[in-house]
C-alpha atoms as a PDB file:
ATOM      1  CA  MET A   1       0.034  -0.177  -0.117  1.00  0.00           C
ATOM      2  CA  LYS A   2       2.785   2.384   0.829  1.00  0.00           C
ATOM      3  CA  LYS A   3       4.414   1.755  -2.494  1.00  0.00           C
ATOM      4  CA  ILE A   4       1.123   2.474  -4.357  1.00  0.00           C
ATOM      5  CA  LEU A   5       0.570   5.574  -2.537  1.00  0.00           C
ATOM      6  CA  LEU A   6       4.029   6.936  -3.455  1.00  0.00           C
ATOM      7  CA  GLN A   7       3.446   6.292  -6.842  1.00  0.00           C
ATOM      8  CA  PHE A   8       0.411   8.239  -6.741  1.00  0.00           C
ATOM      9  CA  ALA A   9       2.218  11.110  -5.118  1.00  0.00           C
ATOM     10  CA  LEU A  10       5.303  10.902  -7.525  1.00  0.00           C
ATOM     11  CA  ILE A  11       2.557  11.005 -10.394  1.00  0.00           C
ATOM     12  CA  ALA A  12       0.791  14.073  -8.933  1.00  0.00           C
ATOM     13  CA  PHE A  13       4.351  15.927  -8.566  1.00  0.00           C
ATOM     14  CA  ALA A  14       4.970  15.266 -12.104  1.00  0.00           C
ATOM     15  CA  LEU A  15       1.679  16.607 -13.320  1.00  0.00           C
ATOM     16  CA  LYS A  16       1.948  19.988 -11.364  1.00  0.00           C
ATOM     17  CA  VAL A  17       5.475  20.798 -12.768  1.00  0.00           C
ATOM     18  CA  PRO A  18       6.021  22.532 -16.120  1.00  0.00           C
ATOM     19  CA  ALA A  19       8.338  21.418 -18.725  1.00  0.00           C
ATOM     20  CA  GLN A  20      11.780  22.744 -18.150  1.00  0.00           C
ATOM     21  CA  GLY A  21      13.748  22.971 -21.296  1.00  0.00           C
ATOM     22  CA  TYR A  22      17.775  22.968 -21.675  1.00  0.00           C
ATOM     23  CA  LEU A  23      19.420  26.388 -22.071  1.00  0.00           C
ATOM     24  CA  PHE A  24      23.071  26.569 -21.712  1.00  0.00           C
ATOM     25  CA  GLU A  25      26.393  25.518 -20.193  1.00  0.00           C
ATOM     26  CA  PHE A  26      27.766  27.623 -17.625  1.00  0.00           C
ATOM     27  CA  GLY A  27      30.255  27.118 -14.973  1.00  0.00           C
ATOM     28  CA  THR A  28      32.013  23.903 -14.285  1.00  0.00           C
ATOM     29  CA  VAL A  29      31.689  20.994 -11.653  1.00  0.00           C
ATOM     30  CA  ARG A  30      34.888  18.826 -10.595  1.00  0.00           C
ATOM     31  CA  GLY A  31      35.406  16.345  -8.086  1.00  0.00           C
ATOM     32  CA  LEU A  32      37.142  16.343  -4.542  1.00  0.00           C
ATOM     33  CA  GLU A  33      40.118  15.604  -6.045  1.00  0.00           C
ATOM     34  CA  ALA A  34      40.368  18.796  -7.208  1.00  0.00           C
ATOM     35  CA  LEU A  35      41.401  20.068  -3.766  1.00  0.00           C
ATOM     36  CA  VAL A  36      44.393  17.937  -3.438  1.00  0.00           C
ATOM     37  CA  ALA A  37      45.631  17.173  -7.128  1.00  0.00           C
ATOM     38  CA  SER A  38      48.829  18.152  -8.467  1.00  0.00           C
ATOM     39  CA  ASN A  39      47.588  18.650 -11.785  1.00  0.00           C
ATOM     40  CA  ALA A  40      44.584  20.112 -13.401  1.00  0.00           C
ATOM     41  CA  PRO A  41      41.474  17.830 -12.409  1.00  0.00           C
ATOM     42  CA  GLU A  42      38.783  17.130 -15.068  1.00  0.00           C
ATOM     43  CA  GLU A  43      36.034  19.929 -14.955  1.00  0.00           C
ATOM     44  CA  VAL A  44      32.640  19.006 -16.685  1.00  0.00           C
ATOM     45  CA  PRO A  45      30.315  21.825 -17.884  1.00  0.00           C
ATOM     46  CA  ILE A  46      27.241  22.361 -15.793  1.00  0.00           C
ATOM     47  CA  LYS A  47      23.785  22.259 -17.806  1.00  0.00           C
ATOM     48  CA  TRP A  48      21.142  24.547 -17.084  1.00  0.00           C
ATOM     49  CA  PHE A  49      17.190  24.391 -17.382  1.00  0.00           C
ATOM     50  CA  ASP A  50      14.727  26.810 -17.464  1.00  0.00           C
ATOM     51  CA  VAL A  51      12.086  26.551 -14.632  1.00  0.00           C
ATOM     52  CA  ASN A  52       9.725  29.646 -15.313  1.00  0.00           C
ATOM     53  CA  THR A  53      11.841  32.700 -16.745  1.00  0.00           C
ATOM     54  CA  GLY A  54      12.408  32.168 -20.657  1.00  0.00           C
ATOM     55  CA  LYS A  55      15.102  32.066 -22.943  1.00  0.00           C
ATOM     56  CA  ASP A  56      15.278  36.026 -23.596  1.00  0.00           C
ATOM     57  CA  SER A  57      15.829  36.276 -19.920  1.00  0.00           C
ATOM     58  CA  TRP A  58      19.342  35.205 -20.187  1.00  0.00           C
ATOM     59  CA  TYR A  59      22.268  35.686 -22.533  1.00  0.00           C
ATOM     60  CA  PHE A  60      26.113  35.908 -22.480  1.00  0.00           C
ATOM     61  CA  GLU A  61      28.528  38.550 -22.688  1.00  0.00           C
ATOM     62  CA  GLY A  62      31.831  36.803 -22.981  1.00  0.00           C
ATOM     63  CA  ASP A  63      32.170  34.712 -20.368  1.00  0.00           C
ATOM     64  CA  GLU A  64      29.593  36.517 -18.154  1.00  0.00           C
ATOM     65  CA  LEU A  65      26.193  35.183 -17.730  1.00  0.00           C
ATOM     66  CA  VAL A  66      23.582  38.019 -17.974  1.00  0.00           C
ATOM     67  CA  CYS A  67      20.125  37.968 -16.243  1.00  0.00           C
ATOM     68  CA  GLN A  68      17.708  40.662 -17.520  1.00  0.00           C
ATOM     69  CA  GLY A  69      15.921  40.004 -14.294  1.00  0.00           C
ATOM     70  CA  LEU A  70      12.128  39.582 -15.499  1.00  0.00           C
ATOM     71  CA  PRO A  71      10.184  37.882 -15.465  1.00  0.00           C
ATOM     72  CA  ILE A  72      10.755  36.510 -12.001  1.00  0.00           C
ATOM     73  CA  GLY A  73      11.710  33.113 -11.587  1.00  0.00           C
ATOM     74  CA  VAL A  74      14.749  30.614 -11.610  1.00  0.00           C
ATOM     75  CA  ILE A  75      16.663  28.397 -13.781  1.00  0.00           C
ATOM     76  CA  ARG A  76      18.206  25.233 -12.593  1.00  0.00           C
ATOM     77  CA  SER A  77      21.381  23.113 -12.488  1.00  0.00           C
ATOM     78  CA  GLU A  78      20.771  19.588 -14.456  1.00  0.00           C
ATOM     79  CA  LYS A  79      21.821  17.711 -11.528  1.00  0.00           C
ATOM     80  CA  GLN A  80      20.908  17.613  -7.629  1.00  0.00           C
ATOM     81  CA  TYR A  81      24.082  18.225  -5.382  1.00  0.00           C
ATOM     82  CA  GLN A  82      24.128  17.268  -1.789  1.00  0.00           C
ATOM     83  CA  ASN A  83      27.336  18.057  -0.079  1.00  0.00           C
ATOM     84  CA  PHE A  84      29.564  20.714  -2.399  1.00  0.00           C
ATOM     85  CA  ILE A  85      31.474  23.943  -2.264  1.00  0.00           C
ATOM     86  CA  MET A  86      30.211  26.371  -4.855  1.00  0.00           C
ATOM     87  CA  HIS A  87      32.433  29.298  -5.798  1.00  0.00           C
ATOM     88  CA  ILE A  88      30.571  32.074  -7.579  1.00  0.00           C
ATOM     89  CA  GLU A  89      30.947  35.435  -8.426  1.00  0.00           C
ATOM     90  CA  TRP A  90      28.086  38.356  -9.222  1.00  0.00           C
ATOM     91  CA  LYS A  91      27.518  42.004  -9.403  1.00  0.00           C
ATOM     92  CA  HIS A  92      24.286  44.086  -9.827  1.00  0.00           C
ATOM     93  CA  MET A  93      23.911  46.675 -12.545  1.00  0.00           C
ATOM     94  CA  GLU A  94      21.002  48.730 -10.805  1.00  0.00           C
ATOM     95  CA  ALA A  95      20.680  50.337  -7.445  1.00  0.00           C
ATOM     96  CA  GLY A  96      18.721  48.138  -5.080  1.00  0.00           C
ATOM     97  CA  GLY A  97      18.768  45.188  -7.670  1.00  0.00           C
ATOM     98  CA  ASN A  98      17.581  41.948  -5.930  1.00  0.00           C
ATOM     99  CA  SER A  99      18.467  38.232  -6.872  1.00  0.00           C
ATOM    100  CA  GLY A 100      19.997  35.221  -5.154  1.00  0.00           C
ATOM    101  CA  THR A 101      20.877  31.235  -5.588  1.00  0.00           C
ATOM    102  CA  PHE A 102      19.087  28.604  -4.381  1.00  0.00           C
ATOM    103  CA  VAL A 103      20.703  25.192  -3.039  1.00  0.00           C
ATOM    104  CA  TRP A 104      19.225  21.938  -1.989  1.00  0.00           C
ATOM    105  CA  SER A 105      16.141  23.332  -4.028  1.00  0.00           C
ATOM    106  CA  SER A 106      13.024  21.085  -5.856  1.00  0.00           C
ATOM    107  CA  ALA A 107      13.268  24.101  -8.498  1.00  0.00           C
ATOM    108  CA  VAL A 108       9.533  23.771  -8.316  1.00  0.00           C
ATOM    109  CA  PRO A 109       7.956  27.248  -8.545  1.00  0.00           C
ATOM    110  CA  GLY A 110       5.754  28.381  -5.613  1.00  0.00           C
ATOM    111  CA  ASP A 111       2.914  30.924  -5.231  1.00  0.00           C
ATOM    112  CA  ASN A 112       5.721  33.850  -5.628  1.00  0.00           C
ATOM    113  CA  ARG A 113       6.957  31.966  -8.700  1.00  0.00           C
ATOM    114  CA  LEU A 114      10.275  30.884  -6.483  1.00  0.00           C
ATOM    115  CA  PRO A 115      11.044  27.492  -5.403  1.00  0.00           C
ATOM    116  CA  ASP A 116      11.813  26.102  -2.085  1.00  0.00           C
ATOM    117  CA  GLY A 117      15.349  25.568  -0.778  1.00  0.00           C
ATOM    118  CA  VAL A 118      18.082  27.441   1.244  1.00  0.00           C
ATOM    119  CA  GLU A 119      18.299  30.940  -0.292  1.00  0.00           C
ATOM    120  CA  VAL A 120      21.669  32.654  -0.377  1.00  0.00           C
ATOM    121  CA  GLN A 121      20.604  36.461  -0.942  1.00  0.00           C
ATOM    122  CA  MET A 122      22.251  38.797  -3.321  1.00  0.00           C
ATOM    123  CA  LEU A 123      21.083  42.466  -2.871  1.00  0.00           C
ATOM    124  CA  GLU A 124      22.547  45.607  -3.931  1.00  0.00           C
ATOM    125  CA  LEU A 125      23.756  47.934  -1.240  1.00  0.00           C
ATOM    126  CA  ASP A 126      20.784  50.723  -1.905  1.00  0.00           C
ATOM    127  CA  TRP A 127      17.954  47.875  -1.634  1.00  0.00           C
ATOM    128  CA  VAL A 128      17.306  49.155   2.097  1.00  0.00           C
ATOM    129  CA  ASN A 129      17.243  52.652   1.045  1.00  0.00           C
ATOM    130  CA  GLN A 130      14.467  51.836  -1.471  1.00  0.00           C
ATOM    131  CA  ASN A 131      12.440  49.738   0.875  1.00  0.00           C
ATOM    132  CA  LYS A 132      11.588  51.681   3.736  1.00  0.00           C
ATOM    133  CA  LYS A 133       8.521  50.722   5.872  1.00  0.00           C
ATOM    134  CA  ASP A 134       7.033  53.796   7.565  1.00  0.00           C
ATOM    135  CA  GLY A 135      10.120  55.671   7.192  1.00  0.00           C
ATOM    136  CA  ILE A 136      12.189  53.120   8.821  1.00  0.00           C
ATOM    137  CA  LEU A 137      15.089  51.539   7.041  1.00  0.00           C
ATOM    138  CA  PRO A 138      15.623  47.714   6.827  1.00  0.00           C
ATOM    139  CA  PRO A 139      18.517  46.110   8.677  1.00  0.00           C
ATOM    140  CA  ILE A 140      21.633  46.322   6.658  1.00  0.00           C
ATOM    141  CA  ALA A 141      22.013  42.653   7.307  1.00  0.00           C
ATOM    142  CA  TYR A 142      19.495  41.916   4.252  1.00  0.00           C
ATOM    143  CA  VAL A 143      22.084  42.928   1.443  1.00  0.00           C
ATOM    144  CA  HIS A 144      25.367  41.313   3.065  1.00  0.00           C
ATOM    145  CA  GLY A 145      24.426  37.457   2.049  1.00  0.00           C
ATOM    146  CA  GLU A 146      21.420  36.445   4.423  1.00  0.00           C
ATOM    147  CA  LEU A 147      20.502  33.067   4.623  1.00  0.00           C
ATOM    148  CA  PHE A 148      17.258  31.355   4.896  1.00  0.00           C
ATOM    149  CA  GLY A 149      15.071  28.297   4.168  1.00  0.00           C
ATOM    150  CA  VAL A 150      12.007  29.040   2.013  1.00  0.00           C
ATOM    151  CA  GLY A 151       8.961  27.229   0.494  1.00  0.00           C
ATOM    152  CA  GLY A 152       8.648  24.942   3.955  1.00  0.00           C
ATOM    153  CA  VAL A 153      12.487  24.335   4.155  1.00  0.00           C
ATOM    154  CA  GLU A 154      13.706  25.104   7.991  1.00  0.00           C
ATOM    155  CA  THR A 155      16.987  25.572   9.291  1.00  0.00           C
ATOM    156  CA  VAL A 156      18.586  26.769  12.268  1.00  0.00           C
ATOM    157  CA  PRO A 157      20.561  30.111  11.680  1.00  0.00           C
ATOM    158  CA  ASP A 158      23.937  31.123  13.251  1.00  0.00           C
ATOM    159  CA  ASN A 159      23.146  34.634  13.577  1.00  0.00           C
ATOM    160  CA  PRO A 160      19.453  35.289  14.049  1.00  0.00           C
ATOM    161  CA  ARG A 161      17.201  37.667  12.576  1.00  0.00           C
ATOM    162  CA  GLY A 162      14.127  36.038  12.936  1.00  0.00           C
ATOM    163  CA  THR A 163      14.344  32.590  11.060  1.00  0.00           C
ATOM    164  CA  ARG A 164      16.890  34.147   8.862  1.00  0.00           C
ATOM    165  CA  SER A 165      20.624  34.234   9.692  1.00  0.00           C
ATOM    166  CA  LYS A 166      22.291  37.568   8.800  1.00  0.00           C
ATOM    167  CA  SER A 167      25.917  38.270   8.139  1.00  0.00           C
ATOM    168  CA  ILE A 168      28.003  39.062  11.117  1.00  0.00           C
ATOM    169  CA  GLU A 169      30.038  41.733   9.172  1.00  0.00           C
ATOM    170  CA  ASN A 170      28.909  43.807   6.156  1.00  0.00           C
ATOM    171  CA  ARG A 171      31.213  42.791   3.214  1.00  0.00           C
ATOM    172  CA  CYS A 172      29.336  43.460  -0.208  1.00  0.00           C
ATOM    173  CA  LEU A 173      30.268  45.794  -2.727  1.00  0.00           C
ATOM    174  CA  GLY A 174      27.941  48.000  -4.565  1.00  0.00           C
ATOM    175  CA  LYS A 175      26.452  48.547  -8.222  1.00  0.00           C
ATOM    176  CA  GLY A 176      28.874  47.550 -10.876  1.00  0.00           C
ATOM    177  CA  GLU A 177      31.662  45.699  -8.795  1.00  0.00           C
ATOM    178  CA  TRP A 178      32.021  42.036  -8.478  1.00  0.00           C
ATOM    179  CA  ASN A 179      31.062  39.929  -5.332  1.00  0.00           C
ATOM    180  CA  THR A 180      32.683  36.643  -4.672  1.00  0.00           C
ATOM    181  CA  TYR A 181      30.437  34.229  -2.890  1.00  0.00           C
ATOM    182  CA  VAL A 182      31.949  30.536  -1.325  1.00  0.00           C
ATOM    183  CA  VAL A 183      29.092  28.676  -0.468  1.00  0.00           C
ATOM    184  CA  VAL A 184      30.043  25.455   1.674  1.00  0.00           C
ATOM    185  CA  CYS A 185      26.948  22.972   1.763  1.00  0.00           C
ATOM    186  CA  VAL A 186      27.642  19.863   4.135  1.00  0.00           C
ATOM    187  CA  ASP A 187      25.025  17.595   5.793  1.00  0.00           C
ATOM    188  CA  GLY A 188      22.439  20.306   6.426  1.00  0.00           C
ATOM    189  CA  VAL A 189      25.022  23.414   7.326  1.00  0.00           C
ATOM    190  CA  ILE A 190      25.638  26.002   5.138  1.00  0.00           C
ATOM    191  CA  LYS A 191      28.732  28.571   5.532  1.00  0.00           C
ATOM    192  CA  LEU A 192      28.942  31.529   3.334  1.00  0.00           C
ATOM    193  CA  SER A 193      32.302  33.785   2.807  1.00  0.00           C
ATOM    194  CA  VAL A 194      31.749  37.072   1.413  1.00  0.00           C
ATOM    195  CA  ASN A 195      34.491  38.472  -0.766  1.00  0.00           C
ATOM    196  CA  GLY A 196      37.177  36.582   1.153  1.00  0.00           C
ATOM    197  CA  LYS A 197      35.806  36.001   4.841  1.00  0.00           C
ATOM    198  CA  PHE A 198      33.396  33.515   6.499  1.00  0.00           C
ATOM    199  CA  VAL A 199      30.563  35.513   7.696  1.00  0.00           C
ATOM    200  CA  ASN A 200      27.114  33.738   8.138  1.00  0.00           C
ATOM    201  CA  GLY A 201      25.843  30.345   8.172  1.00  0.00           C
ATOM    202  CA  ILE A 202      22.947  28.084   9.011  1.00  0.00           C
ATOM    203  CA  SER A 203      22.517  24.404  10.236  1.00  0.00           C
ATOM    204  CA  GLN A 204      19.767  21.887  10.448  1.00  0.00           C
ATOM    205  CA  SER A 205      18.206  22.170   7.331  1.00  0.00           C
ATOM    206  CA  THR A 206      15.252  19.866   6.901  1.00  0.00           C
ATOM    207  CA  GLN A 207      16.270  19.525   3.104  1.00  0.00           C
ATOM    208  CA  ARG A 208      19.739  18.433   2.016  1.00  0.00           C
ATOM    209  CA  LYS A 209      20.100  17.331  -1.236  1.00  0.00           C
ATOM    210  CA  GLY A 210      18.459  19.209  -4.381  1.00  0.00           C
ATOM    211  CA  TYR A 211      18.968  21.339  -7.454  1.00  0.00           C
ATOM    212  CA  ILE A 212      20.792  24.699  -7.375  1.00  0.00           C
ATOM    213  CA  CYS A 213      19.029  27.629  -8.710  1.00  0.00           C
ATOM    214  CA  LEU A 214      19.927  30.976 -10.278  1.00  0.00           C
ATOM    215  CA  GLU A 215      17.417  33.734  -9.397  1.00  0.00           C
ATOM    216  CA  SER A 216      15.785  36.219 -11.611  1.00  0.00           C
ATOM    217  CA  GLU A 217      13.964  38.746  -9.342  1.00  0.00           C
ATOM    218  CA  GLY A 218      13.345  42.211 -11.247  1.00  0.00           C
ATOM    219  CA  ALA A 219      16.888  43.606 -12.135  1.00  0.00           C
ATOM    220  CA  PRO A 220      19.549  42.825 -14.164  1.00  0.00           C
ATOM    221  CA  ILE A 221      22.421  41.032 -12.752  1.00  0.00           C
ATOM    222  CA  HIS A 222      25.756  39.213 -14.045  1.00  0.00           C
ATOM    223  CA  PHE A 223      27.334  36.105 -12.894  1.00  0.00           C
ATOM    224  CA  ARG A 224      30.563  34.506 -13.873  1.00  0.00           C
ATOM    225  CA  ASN A 225      33.530  31.957 -12.546  1.00  0.00           C
ATOM    226  CA  LEU A 226      31.013  29.543 -11.166  1.00  0.00           C
ATOM    227  CA  ARG A 227      32.662  26.237  -9.892  1.00  0.00           C
ATOM    228  CA  ILE A 228      31.168  23.307  -8.150  1.00  0.00           C
ATOM    229  CA  THR A 229      33.490  21.019  -5.921  1.00  0.00           C
ATOM    230  CA  GLU A 230      31.635  18.111  -5.066  1.00  0.00           C
ATOM    231  CA  LEU A 231      32.309  16.475  -1.428  1.00  0.00           C
ATOM    232  CA  PRO A 232      31.661  13.098  -0.243  1.00  0.00           C
ATOM    233  CA  PRO A 233      27.733  12.290   0.393  1.00  0.00           C
ATOM    234  CA  GLY A 234      26.606  11.770   3.724  1.00  0.00           C
ATOM    235  CA  VAL A 235      23.960   9.992   5.716  1.00  0.00           C
ATOM    236  CA  ILE A 236      20.561  11.425   4.407  1.00  0.00           C
ATOM    237  CA  ALA A 237      17.069  10.652   5.097  1.00  0.00           C
ATOM    238  CA  GLU A 238      14.755  10.063   1.896  1.00  0.00           C
ATOM    239  CA  GLY A 239      12.679  13.297   3.195  1.00  0.00           C
ATOM    240  CA  GLN A 240      15.763  15.207   3.057  1.00  0.00           C
ATOM    241  CA  ILE A 241      16.005  15.066  -0.603  1.00  0.00           C
ATOM    242  CA  ALA A 242      14.044  17.372  -3.081  1.00  0.00           C
ATOM    243  CA  PRO A 243      11.916  15.223  -5.689  1.00  0.00           C
ATOM    244  CA  LEU A 244      13.838  13.870  -8.784  1.00  0.00           C
ATOM    245  CA  LEU A 245      12.786  16.171 -11.839  1.00  0.00           C
ATOM    246  CA  LYS A 246      12.809  14.439 -15.168  1.00  0.00           C
END
């Protein structure tokens, strides 16, 4: 009976997921030997699929992947990842620009067009000035790499701001300047380095394996030098893995 119920659940899940077409290759993935090998290890291109943005939302300028910011949505990696190190560089092109990347995601859009997972926030510095509430500035923590679970994924923040985790030091650079994130994801724990220093983290994520998504959220953003280093897998329960897309 349990097997039959699981089959029905998977069919229902597949029916609600829109077709996700192949877009392009961007970035590379390599194995753990890359950290210790004396010569350059093999790097495999990462294939990306559109979830709900559109081909016109993304294009290349040399080695830079450009996202126009509209419509709101994401693209996803071809594969799921569990334990890994992600290096990615990004820069906003408009004051107050909003974007990010999702890790351990199901890559299925929710009501706000964005998926579940753990979001690694990428905001331009002027965002707080443009989003005052009753004349009060939001906390600067928003724009320096906040980490938080979304879409029902829960986490325990290292540096709590409610259920979110804020960076303990402000290190992001503004419009037109490149920022470097190193995101280390291991067994439900994420540590984030912003421009050369670890300043944020979460633990006990309820989802620990899934797709990586790049976000389109209203403003142009450029990405470059994406590299994923896969680490050995850990012990993981079936309920901690995002459903597999075909």
